[in-house]
Amino acid sequence: MQTRKSGNAQGIDVSHWQGKIDWAKVAANGISFAFIKATQNGVDERFIENARAQRRRG
């Protein structure tokens, strides 16, 4: 695994297990991307909410 450096892109992986995500706080902490779980035996219950909220935050 690559060593983490401040210049590297930082991301998170989220699903319904993380509960409600504070996307403003995520962006303020330098996170530049997110993997959002979409399906596994059905649509993840927070997928639409997370995808829309992340998109609004850019």
C-alpha atoms as a PDB file:
ATOM      1  CA  MET A   1       0.000   0.000   0.000  1.00  0.00           C
ATOM      2  CA  GLN A   2       1.205   3.478  -0.835  1.00  0.00           C
ATOM      3  CA  THR A   3       2.346   5.663   2.053  1.00  0.00           C
ATOM      4  CA  ARG A   4      -0.111   8.451   2.790  1.00  0.00           C
ATOM      5  CA  LYS A   5       1.141  11.937   1.958  1.00  0.00           C
ATOM      6  CA  SER A   6      -0.650  15.266   2.125  1.00  0.00           C
ATOM      7  CA  GLY A   7      -0.359  15.644  -1.659  1.00  0.00           C
ATOM      8  CA  ASN A   8      -2.126  12.350  -2.369  1.00  0.00           C
ATOM      9  CA  ALA A   9      -5.842  12.294  -3.062  1.00  0.00           C
ATOM     10  CA  GLN A  10      -7.742  11.345   0.092  1.00  0.00           C
ATOM     11  CA  GLY A  11     -11.059   9.513  -0.098  1.00  0.00           C
ATOM     12  CA  ILE A  12     -13.625   7.640   1.944  1.00  0.00           C
ATOM     13  CA  ASP A  13     -15.822   4.596   1.436  1.00  0.00           C
ATOM     14  CA  VAL A  14     -19.389   4.932   2.737  1.00  0.00           C
ATOM     15  CA  SER A  15     -22.631   2.980   2.953  1.00  0.00           C
ATOM     16  CA  HIS A  16     -25.671   2.901   5.201  1.00  0.00           C
ATOM     17  CA  TRP A  17     -23.437   1.518   7.975  1.00  0.00           C
ATOM     18  CA  GLN A  18     -21.894   4.978   8.516  1.00  0.00           C
ATOM     19  CA  GLY A  19     -25.289   6.582   9.096  1.00  0.00           C
ATOM     20  CA  LYS A  20     -25.883  10.177   8.054  1.00  0.00           C
ATOM     21  CA  ILE A  21     -22.718  11.701   6.573  1.00  0.00           C
ATOM     22  CA  ASP A  22     -21.836  15.343   7.238  1.00  0.00           C
ATOM     23  CA  TRP A  23     -20.574  16.038   3.710  1.00  0.00           C
ATOM     24  CA  ALA A  24     -19.580  19.615   4.561  1.00  0.00           C
ATOM     25  CA  LYS A  25     -17.293  18.271   7.282  1.00  0.00           C
ATOM     26  CA  VAL A  26     -15.932  15.629   4.902  1.00  0.00           C
ATOM     27  CA  ALA A  27     -15.047  18.309   2.332  1.00  0.00           C
ATOM     28  CA  ALA A  28     -13.559  20.594   4.998  1.00  0.00           C
ATOM     29  CA  ASN A  29     -11.206  17.774   6.045  1.00  0.00           C
ATOM     30  CA  GLY A  30      -9.616  17.563   2.603  1.00  0.00           C
ATOM     31  CA  ILE A  31     -11.448  14.498   1.325  1.00  0.00           C
ATOM     32  CA  SER A  32     -11.564  14.789  -2.457  1.00  0.00           C
ATOM     33  CA  PHE A  33     -13.590  11.699  -3.400  1.00  0.00           C
ATOM     34  CA  ALA A  34     -15.900   9.051  -2.013  1.00  0.00           C
ATOM     35  CA  PHE A  35     -16.831   5.525  -2.970  1.00  0.00           C
ATOM     36  CA  ILE A  36     -20.547   5.245  -2.222  1.00  0.00           C
ATOM     37  CA  LYS A  37     -22.006   1.761  -1.940  1.00  0.00           C
ATOM     38  CA  ALA A  38     -24.891   1.391  -4.353  1.00  0.00           C
ATOM     39  CA  THR A  39     -26.063  -2.212  -4.140  1.00  0.00           C
ATOM     40  CA  GLN A  40     -25.697  -5.551  -2.432  1.00  0.00           C
ATOM     41  CA  ASN A  41     -28.814  -7.684  -2.506  1.00  0.00           C
ATOM     42  CA  GLY A  42     -30.727  -4.473  -3.248  1.00  0.00           C
ATOM     43  CA  VAL A  43     -30.086  -0.741  -3.328  1.00  0.00           C
ATOM     44  CA  ASP A  44     -28.209   0.583  -0.275  1.00  0.00           C
ATOM     45  CA  GLU A  45     -30.759   2.504   1.792  1.00  0.00           C
ATOM     46  CA  ARG A  46     -28.599   5.663   1.896  1.00  0.00           C
ATOM     47  CA  PHE A  47     -27.192   5.517  -1.644  1.00  0.00           C
ATOM     48  CA  ILE A  48     -29.448   8.164  -3.212  1.00  0.00           C
ATOM     49  CA  GLU A  49     -29.099  10.501  -0.209  1.00  0.00           C
ATOM     50  CA  ASN A  50     -25.297  10.126  -0.156  1.00  0.00           C
ATOM     51  CA  ALA A  51     -24.881  10.494  -3.918  1.00  0.00           C
ATOM     52  CA  ARG A  52     -26.980  13.660  -4.063  1.00  0.00           C
ATOM     53  CA  ALA A  53     -25.329  15.201  -1.014  1.00  0.00           C
ATOM     54  CA  GLN A  54     -21.833  14.437  -2.264  1.00  0.00           C
ATOM     55  CA  ARG A  55     -22.613  15.892  -5.662  1.00  0.00           C
ATOM     56  CA  ARG A  56     -23.881  19.123  -4.056  1.00  0.00           C
ATOM     57  CA  ARG A  57     -20.564  19.430  -2.180  1.00  0.00           C
ATOM     58  CA  GLY A  58     -18.587  18.981  -5.397  1.00  0.00           C
END
